[in-house]
PDB file of N, CA and C in Angstrom:
ATOM      1  N   PHE A   1      67.581 -95.166  75.797  1.00  0.00           N
ATOM      2  CA  PHE A   1      68.762 -94.336  75.883  1.00  0.00           C
ATOM      3  C   PHE A   1      68.407 -92.932  75.442  1.00  0.00           C
ATOM      4  N   GLN A   2      68.688 -91.987  76.271  1.00  0.00           N
ATOM      5  CA  GLN A   2      68.417 -90.599  75.928  1.00  0.00           C
ATOM      6  C   GLN A   2      69.725 -89.831  75.936  1.00  0.00           C
ATOM      7  N   ASP A   3      69.962 -89.131  74.860  1.00  0.00           N
ATOM      8  CA  ASP A   3      71.192 -88.364  74.718  1.00  0.00           C
ATOM      9  C   ASP A   3      70.845 -86.885  74.814  1.00  0.00           C
ATOM     10  N   GLU A   4      71.500 -86.169  75.662  1.00  0.00           N
ATOM     11  CA  GLU A   4      71.238 -84.740  75.851  1.00  0.00           C
ATOM     12  C   GLU A   4      71.992 -83.869  74.860  1.00  0.00           C
ATOM     13  N   TRP A   5      72.727 -84.474  73.936  1.00  0.00           N
ATOM     14  CA  TRP A   5      73.539 -83.728  72.993  1.00  0.00           C
ATOM     15  C   TRP A   5      72.741 -83.416  71.743  1.00  0.00           C
ATOM     16  N   GLY A   6      72.888 -82.210  71.210  1.00  0.00           N
ATOM     17  CA  GLY A   6      72.254 -81.851  69.943  1.00  0.00           C
ATOM     18  C   GLY A   6      70.947 -81.111  70.136  1.00  0.00           C
ATOM     19  N   PRO A   7      70.383 -80.636  69.027  1.00  0.00           N
ATOM     20  CA  PRO A   7      69.134 -79.870  69.089  1.00  0.00           C
ATOM     21  C   PRO A   7      67.942 -80.783  69.380  1.00  0.00           C
ATOM     22  N   GLU A   8      66.866 -80.181  69.868  1.00  0.00           N
ATOM     23  CA  GLU A   8      65.639 -80.926  70.106  1.00  0.00           C
ATOM     24  C   GLU A   8      64.969 -81.251  68.785  1.00  0.00           C
ATOM     25  N   VAL A   9      64.273 -82.366  68.741  1.00  0.00           N
ATOM     26  CA  VAL A   9      63.501 -82.725  67.553  1.00  0.00           C
ATOM     27  C   VAL A   9      62.459 -81.643  67.318  1.00  0.00           C
ATOM     28  N   GLY A  10      62.367 -81.176  66.084  1.00  0.00           N
ATOM     29  CA  GLY A  10      61.396 -80.150  65.721  1.00  0.00           C
ATOM     30  C   GLY A  10      61.906 -78.728  65.857  1.00  0.00           C
ATOM     31  N   SER A  11      63.115 -78.545  66.391  1.00  0.00           N
ATOM     32  CA  SER A  11      63.648 -77.192  66.519  1.00  0.00           C
ATOM     33  C   SER A  11      64.125 -76.694  65.157  1.00  0.00           C
ATOM     34  N   GLU A  12      64.181 -75.374  65.009  1.00  0.00           N
ATOM     35  CA  GLU A  12      64.610 -74.788  63.741  1.00  0.00           C
ATOM     36  C   GLU A  12      66.121 -74.911  63.580  1.00  0.00           C
ATOM     37  N   LEU A  13      66.537 -75.119  62.332  1.00  0.00           N
ATOM     38  CA  LEU A  13      67.964 -75.188  62.032  1.00  0.00           C
ATOM     39  C   LEU A  13      68.558 -73.791  61.958  1.00  0.00           C
ATOM     40  N   PRO A  14      69.804 -73.640  62.332  1.00  0.00           N
ATOM     41  CA  PRO A  14      70.475 -72.360  62.128  1.00  0.00           C
ATOM     42  C   PRO A  14      70.730 -72.148  60.636  1.00  0.00           C
ATOM     43  N   GLU A  15      71.137 -70.947  60.264  1.00  0.00           N
ATOM     44  CA  GLU A  15      71.488 -70.680  58.868  1.00  0.00           C
ATOM     45  C   GLU A  15      72.535 -71.687  58.426  1.00  0.00           C
ATOM     46  N   LEU A  16      72.359 -72.216  57.238  1.00  0.00           N
ATOM     47  CA  LEU A  16      73.239 -73.265  56.752  1.00  0.00           C
ATOM     48  C   LEU A  16      73.592 -72.976  55.305  1.00  0.00           C
ATOM     49  N   THR A  17      74.882 -72.954  54.992  1.00  0.00           N
ATOM     50  CA  THR A  17      75.346 -72.764  53.621  1.00  0.00           C
ATOM     51  C   THR A  17      76.307 -73.898  53.293  1.00  0.00           C
ATOM     52  N   VAL A  18      76.071 -74.548  52.156  1.00  0.00           N
ATOM     53  CA  VAL A  18      76.920 -75.656  51.708  1.00  0.00           C
ATOM     54  C   VAL A  18      77.286 -75.442  50.252  1.00  0.00           C
ATOM     55  N   LYS A  19      78.299 -76.152  49.797  1.00  0.00           N
ATOM     56  CA  LYS A  19      78.707 -76.101  48.389  1.00  0.00           C
ATOM     57  C   LYS A  19      77.974 -77.197  47.619  1.00  0.00           C
ATOM     58  N   ASP A  20      77.474 -76.863  46.420  1.00  0.00           N
ATOM     59  CA  ASP A  20      76.876 -77.892  45.577  1.00  0.00           C
ATOM     60  C   ASP A  20      77.970 -78.573  44.764  1.00  0.00           C
ATOM     61  N   THR A  21      77.594 -79.480  43.879  1.00  0.00           N
ATOM     62  CA  THR A  21      78.584 -80.248  43.123  1.00  0.00           C
ATOM     63  C   THR A  21      79.382 -79.403  42.145  1.00  0.00           C
ATOM     64  N   GLU A  22      78.910 -78.172  41.882  1.00  0.00           N
ATOM     65  CA  GLU A  22      79.633 -77.267  40.986  1.00  0.00           C
ATOM     66  C   GLU A  22      80.409 -76.206  41.750  1.00  0.00           C
ATOM     67  N   GLY A  23      80.423 -76.302  43.084  1.00  0.00           N
ATOM     68  CA  GLY A  23      81.179 -75.364  43.902  1.00  0.00           C
ATOM     69  C   GLY A  23      80.441 -74.093  44.264  1.00  0.00           C
ATOM     70  N   ASN A  24      79.155 -74.000  43.925  1.00  0.00           N
ATOM     71  CA  ASN A  24      78.354 -72.823  44.254  1.00  0.00           C
ATOM     72  C   ASN A  24      77.798 -72.934  45.668  1.00  0.00           C
ATOM     73  N   ASP A  25      77.736 -71.792  46.375  1.00  0.00           N
ATOM     74  CA  ASP A  25      77.136 -71.770  47.705  1.00  0.00           C
ATOM     75  C   ASP A  25      75.629 -71.936  47.587  1.00  0.00           C
ATOM     76  N   ARG A  26      75.067 -72.793  48.429  1.00  0.00           N
ATOM     77  CA  ARG A  26      73.623 -73.024  48.480  1.00  0.00           C
ATOM     78  C   ARG A  26      73.179 -72.893  49.927  1.00  0.00           C
ATOM     79  N   THR A  27      72.060 -72.220  50.148  1.00  0.00           N
ATOM     80  CA  THR A  27      71.512 -72.093  51.491  1.00  0.00           C
ATOM     81  C   THR A  27      70.448 -73.160  51.711  1.00  0.00           C
ATOM     82  N   LEU A  28      70.067 -73.338  52.959  1.00  0.00           N
ATOM     83  CA  LEU A  28      69.011 -74.291  53.270  1.00  0.00           C
ATOM     84  C   LEU A  28      67.723 -73.893  52.550  1.00  0.00           C
ATOM     85  N   GLU A  29      67.457 -72.603  52.470  1.00  0.00           N
ATOM     86  CA  GLU A  29      66.268 -72.116  51.762  1.00  0.00           C
ATOM     87  C   GLU A  29      66.322 -72.490  50.279  1.00  0.00           C
ATOM     88  N   ASP A  30      67.499 -72.387  49.654  1.00  0.00           N
ATOM     89  CA  ASP A  30      67.656 -72.814  48.256  1.00  0.00           C
ATOM     90  C   ASP A  30      67.295 -74.288  48.097  1.00  0.00           C
ATOM     91  N   LEU A  31      67.737 -75.101  49.040  1.00  0.00           N
ATOM     92  CA  LEU A  31      67.557 -76.543  48.938  1.00  0.00           C
ATOM     93  C   LEU A  31      66.124 -76.987  49.193  1.00  0.00           C
ATOM     94  N   THR A  32      65.403 -76.292  50.063  1.00  0.00           N
ATOM     95  CA  THR A  32      64.030 -76.696  50.363  1.00  0.00           C
ATOM     96  C   THR A  32      63.053 -76.236  49.300  1.00  0.00           C
ATOM     97  N   GLY A  33      63.327 -75.091  48.654  1.00  0.00           N
ATOM     98  CA  GLY A  33      62.426 -74.591  47.620  1.00  0.00           C
ATOM     99  C   GLY A  33      61.045 -74.299  48.171  1.00  0.00           C
ATOM    100  N   ASP A  34      60.023 -74.504  47.351  1.00  0.00           N
ATOM    101  CA  ASP A  34      58.645 -74.227  47.759  1.00  0.00           C
ATOM    102  C   ASP A  34      58.089 -75.296  48.692  1.00  0.00           C
ATOM    103  N   ASN A  35      58.734 -76.454  48.754  1.00  0.00           N
ATOM    104  CA  ASN A  35      58.222 -77.558  49.574  1.00  0.00           C
ATOM    105  C   ASN A  35      58.401 -77.322  51.065  1.00  0.00           C
ATOM    106  N   LYS A  36      59.389 -76.517  51.420  1.00  0.00           N
ATOM    107  CA  LYS A  36      59.706 -76.221  52.821  1.00  0.00           C
ATOM    108  C   LYS A  36      59.995 -77.475  53.630  1.00  0.00           C
ATOM    109  N   GLY A  37      60.521 -78.471  52.967  1.00  0.00           N
ATOM    110  CA  GLY A  37      60.902 -79.684  53.676  1.00  0.00           C
ATOM    111  C   GLY A  37      62.145 -80.287  53.060  1.00  0.00           C
ATOM    112  N   ILE A  38      62.946 -80.913  53.879  1.00  0.00           N
ATOM    113  CA  ILE A  38      64.170 -81.552  53.405  1.00  0.00           C
ATOM    114  C   ILE A  38      64.598 -82.587  54.447  1.00  0.00           C
ATOM    115  N   VAL A  39      65.216 -83.639  53.984  1.00  0.00           N
ATOM    116  CA  VAL A  39      65.781 -84.641  54.885  1.00  0.00           C
ATOM    117  C   VAL A  39      67.296 -84.535  54.775  1.00  0.00           C
ATOM    118  N   LEU A  40      67.947 -84.340  55.902  1.00  0.00           N
ATOM    119  CA  LEU A  40      69.401 -84.218  55.931  1.00  0.00           C
ATOM    120  C   LEU A  40      70.000 -85.444  56.609  1.00  0.00           C
ATOM    121  N   PHE A  41      71.020 -85.997  56.005  1.00  0.00           N
ATOM    122  CA  PHE A  41      71.762 -87.102  56.605  1.00  0.00           C
ATOM    123  C   PHE A  41      73.172 -86.611  56.883  1.00  0.00           C
ATOM    124  N   PHE A  42      73.583 -86.665  58.121  1.00  0.00           N
ATOM    125  CA  PHE A  42      74.942 -86.314  58.500  1.00  0.00           C
ATOM    126  C   PHE A  42      75.667 -87.616  58.812  1.00  0.00           C
ATOM    127  N   VAL A  43      76.676 -87.914  58.029  1.00  0.00           N
ATOM    128  CA  VAL A  43      77.401 -89.165  58.187  1.00  0.00           C
ATOM    129  C   VAL A  43      78.784 -88.871  58.752  1.00  0.00           C
ATOM    130  N   ARG A  44      79.104 -89.548  59.805  1.00  0.00           N
ATOM    131  CA  ARG A  44      80.413 -89.409  60.432  1.00  0.00           C
ATOM    132  C   ARG A  44      81.189 -90.687  60.153  1.00  0.00           C
ATOM    133  N   THR A  45      82.392 -90.542  59.658  1.00  0.00           N
ATOM    134  CA  THR A  45      83.200 -91.733  59.411  1.00  0.00           C
ATOM    135  C   THR A  45      83.717 -92.290  60.725  1.00  0.00           C
ATOM    136  N   SER A  46      84.103 -93.523  60.704  1.00  0.00           N
ATOM    137  CA  SER A  46      84.677 -94.122  61.909  1.00  0.00           C
ATOM    138  C   SER A  46      86.171 -93.847  61.994  1.00  0.00           C
ATOM    139  N   ASN A  47      86.675 -93.070  61.040  1.00  0.00           N
ATOM    140  CA  ASN A  47      88.099 -92.769  60.968  1.00  0.00           C
ATOM    141  C   ASN A  47      88.348 -91.347  61.467  1.00  0.00           C
ATOM    142  N   TRP A  48      88.140 -91.102  62.741  1.00  0.00           N
ATOM    143  CA  TRP A  48      88.380 -89.781  63.304  1.00  0.00           C
ATOM    144  C   TRP A  48      88.989 -89.947  64.628  1.00  0.00           C
TER     145      TRP A  48
END
């Protein structure tokens, strides 16, 4: 099964800003640090 929706594997992410547990804005660069790697899980509920 091939899905044409979404970015290609290995493509760069757009700028991303999220709130941390204290309500502060964090960028993707903040989250990756010196490692330059991160695993993101996007979970969609079945209640939509």
